[in-house]
Protein backbone atom coordinates (compact mmCIF):
# COMPACT_ATOMS: atom_id res chain seq x y z
CA MET A 1 -1.58 -4.40 -3.46
CA LYS A 2 -1.03 -1.59 -5.96
CA GLN A 3 -3.67 0.99 -6.12
CA THR A 4 -5.55 1.05 -9.60
CA THR A 5 -6.20 4.47 -10.72
CA PRO A 6 -8.37 5.61 -13.63
CA ALA A 7 -5.33 6.59 -15.58
CA ARG A 8 -3.58 2.86 -15.34
CA THR A 9 -6.69 1.38 -16.20
CA LEU A 10 -7.10 3.42 -19.17
CA CYS A 11 -3.66 2.70 -20.24
CA GLN A 12 -3.78 -1.19 -19.60
CA GLY A 13 -7.05 -1.15 -21.68
CA ALA A 14 -5.48 0.85 -24.48
CA VAL A 15 -2.43 -1.36 -24.66
CA ILE A 16 -4.44 -4.67 -24.75
CA ALA A 17 -6.57 -2.78 -27.74
CA ALA A 18 -3.40 -2.02 -29.14
CA LEU A 19 -1.99 -5.53 -29.27
CA TYR A 20 -5.71 -7.08 -30.32
CA VAL A 21 -5.25 -5.03 -33.57
CA ALA A 22 -1.92 -5.54 -34.30
CA LEU A 23 -2.19 -9.20 -33.76
CA THR A 24 -5.45 -9.18 -36.04
CA TYR A 25 -3.54 -7.19 -38.76
CA ALA A 26 -0.73 -9.84 -38.44
CA ALA A 27 -3.41 -12.73 -39.08
CA SER A 28 -4.89 -10.56 -41.75
CA LEU A 29 -1.74 -10.26 -43.76
CA LEU A 30 -1.44 -14.12 -43.44
CA GLY A 31 -5.01 -14.75 -44.45
CA LEU A 32 -6.10 -16.23 -41.36
CA SER A 33 -8.23 -13.68 -39.64
CA SER A 34 -11.28 -13.72 -41.28
CA GLY A 35 -13.34 -16.32 -43.42
CA VAL A 36 -15.07 -19.40 -42.83
CA ILE A 37 -11.88 -20.82 -41.83
CA GLN A 38 -10.40 -18.39 -39.58
CA LEU A 39 -7.69 -18.26 -36.77
CA ARG A 40 -7.29 -14.92 -35.06
CA LEU A 41 -4.32 -14.80 -32.98
CA SER A 42 -5.54 -11.78 -31.25
CA GLU A 43 -7.92 -13.96 -29.79
CA ALA A 44 -5.52 -15.66 -27.52
CA LEU A 45 -5.79 -12.28 -25.60
CA CYS A 46 -9.36 -13.18 -24.44
CA ILE A 47 -7.70 -15.00 -21.36
CA LEU A 48 -6.46 -11.16 -20.07
CA PRO A 49 -9.84 -10.44 -18.23
CA LEU A 50 -8.30 -13.30 -15.73
CA PHE A 51 -5.44 -11.01 -14.75
CA LEU A 52 -7.21 -7.51 -15.51
CA PRO A 53 -10.41 -5.79 -15.68
CA ALA A 54 -9.09 -3.40 -18.04
CA ALA A 55 -9.07 -6.28 -20.70
CA VAL A 56 -12.85 -6.32 -21.16
CA PRO A 57 -13.15 -2.83 -22.50
CA GLY A 58 -9.76 -3.15 -24.29
CA LEU A 59 -10.68 -6.36 -25.86
CA PHE A 60 -13.87 -4.63 -27.38
CA VAL A 61 -12.25 -1.44 -28.44
CA GLY A 62 -9.29 -3.59 -30.18
CA CYS A 63 -11.85 -5.95 -31.86
CA LEU A 64 -13.82 -3.26 -33.06
CA LEU A 65 -10.98 -1.38 -34.35
CA ALA A 66 -9.45 -4.32 -36.02
CA ASN A 67 -12.73 -4.85 -37.50
CA LEU A 68 -12.84 -1.49 -39.02
CA LEU A 69 -9.31 -1.32 -40.26
CA THR A 70 -9.23 -4.67 -41.94
CA GLY A 71 -12.25 -3.73 -44.01
CA CYS A 72 -15.02 -5.89 -42.43
CA VAL A 73 -18.82 -5.23 -43.35
CA ALA A 74 -20.98 -3.24 -40.95
CA LEU A 75 -22.60 -6.35 -39.49
CA ASP A 76 -19.16 -8.07 -38.59
CA ILE A 77 -17.78 -4.65 -37.11
CA VAL A 78 -21.04 -4.48 -34.68
CA CYS A 79 -21.47 -8.45 -33.88
CA GLY A 80 -18.08 -9.62 -34.40
CA SER A 81 -17.09 -6.88 -31.54
CA MET A 82 -20.24 -7.75 -29.64
CA ALA A 83 -19.16 -11.41 -29.70
CA THR A 84 -15.49 -10.65 -28.30
CA LEU A 85 -17.12 -8.25 -25.59
CA ILE A 86 -19.56 -11.00 -24.41
CA GLY A 87 -16.75 -13.68 -24.37
CA ALA A 88 -14.40 -11.14 -22.31
CA VAL A 89 -17.43 -10.44 -19.86
CA GLY A 90 -17.70 -14.31 -19.41
CA THR A 91 -14.16 -14.69 -19.07
CA TYR A 92 -13.89 -11.94 -16.29
CA ALA A 93 -16.88 -13.38 -14.64
CA LEU A 94 -15.46 -16.75 -14.35
CA ARG A 95 -12.10 -15.56 -13.48
CA ARG A 96 -11.78 -17.71 -10.48
CA HIS A 97 -12.06 -20.72 -12.31
CA TYR A 98 -9.75 -21.23 -15.27
CA LEU A 99 -10.79 -23.93 -17.63
CA PRO A 100 -14.54 -22.77 -17.59
CA SER A 101 -13.21 -19.17 -18.11
CA LEU A 102 -12.22 -20.39 -21.48
CA LEU A 103 -15.61 -21.06 -22.95
CA PRO A 104 -17.29 -17.64 -22.96
CA PRO A 105 -15.00 -16.42 -25.84
CA ILE A 106 -14.97 -19.64 -27.55
CA LEU A 107 -18.82 -20.14 -27.37
CA ALA A 108 -19.72 -16.51 -28.00
CA ASN A 109 -17.75 -16.42 -31.18
CA THR A 110 -18.48 -19.94 -32.34
CA LEU A 111 -22.26 -18.91 -31.99
CA ILE A 112 -22.43 -15.38 -33.75
CA VAL A 113 -19.64 -15.33 -36.29
CA PRO A 114 -21.20 -17.84 -38.49
CA TRP A 115 -24.29 -15.92 -38.94
CA VAL A 116 -22.24 -12.93 -39.63
CA LEU A 117 -20.44 -14.85 -42.26
CA ARG A 118 -23.74 -15.95 -43.85
CA PHE A 119 -25.83 -12.35 -43.75
CA GLY A 120 -22.79 -10.08 -44.00
CA TYR A 121 -20.49 -11.86 -46.31
CA GLY A 122 -23.05 -14.26 -48.18
CA ALA A 123 -21.12 -17.30 -47.28
CA PRO A 124 -22.89 -20.31 -48.74
CA ASP A 125 -21.94 -22.83 -46.39
CA ALA A 126 -24.03 -24.30 -43.83
CA ILE A 127 -24.31 -22.78 -40.20
CA TRP A 128 -23.49 -25.95 -38.58
CA TYR A 129 -20.29 -26.03 -40.56
CA MET A 130 -19.19 -22.59 -40.13
CA MET A 131 -19.78 -23.06 -36.46
CA LEU A 132 -17.47 -26.11 -36.53
CA THR A 133 -14.73 -23.97 -38.21
CA VAL A 134 -14.98 -21.07 -36.35
CA GLY A 135 -15.24 -22.74 -32.98
CA THR A 136 -12.05 -24.99 -33.99
CA GLY A 137 -10.29 -21.53 -34.68
CA GLU A 138 -11.36 -20.31 -31.42
CA VAL A 139 -10.43 -23.40 -29.31
CA LEU A 140 -6.91 -23.01 -31.08
CA SER A 141 -6.77 -19.47 -30.32
CA VAL A 142 -8.41 -19.06 -26.98
CA GLY A 143 -7.78 -22.69 -25.54
CA VAL A 144 -4.38 -23.48 -26.92
CA LEU A 145 -2.43 -20.01 -27.57
CA GLY A 146 -4.13 -18.47 -24.56
CA THR A 147 -3.42 -21.25 -22.50
CA LEU A 148 0.38 -20.82 -23.35
CA LEU A 149 -0.19 -17.10 -22.71
CA TYR A 150 -2.06 -17.74 -19.39
CA LEU A 151 0.86 -19.96 -18.26
CA ALA A 152 3.46 -17.49 -19.07
CA LEU A 153 1.48 -14.49 -17.51
CA ARG A 154 0.41 -16.16 -14.42
CA ARG A 155 3.52 -15.49 -12.33
CA SER A 156 4.78 -12.59 -14.58
CA ALA A 157 5.13 -8.95 -13.35
CA VAL A 158 1.79 -8.25 -15.29
CA HIS A 159 -0.11 -10.73 -12.88
CA ARG A 160 1.54 -9.17 -9.91
CA LEU A 161 0.71 -5.55 -11.12
CA ALA A 162 -2.91 -6.59 -10.92
CA GLN A 163 -2.98 -7.59 -7.68
């Protein structure tokens, strides 16, 4: 087992934050990362707390920076980032149980983001409808893309380094 140093943990978190920002920015250029119907490719990274504890703060900081850099309103910067943090903490807490560990980021964003869309952006759609659309995007990002990432990483060097 490799020793985890504070510098190593900080670097891991920083790389994850940078990846989150880059993926969110790329999705933003395609018009996918915000709005009532959204597919944040960066949310696939929410499976990383299964491998690295440093992913929890990395995902939070990455989401915070991504929201700042893509022009989100203050409510989204705060509450959207908190939804990602809640999801990351939940995934880390359930890290020994793969399928249940996917639920915290999906549920946190499904329950929080529609309210941000309503009160931060003035979206006129029904909350239940936005929960359905945001939830679908999260299932695709975390459930599908995250699972593909999980399968690619579980036997990789990243996983071995985390042990």
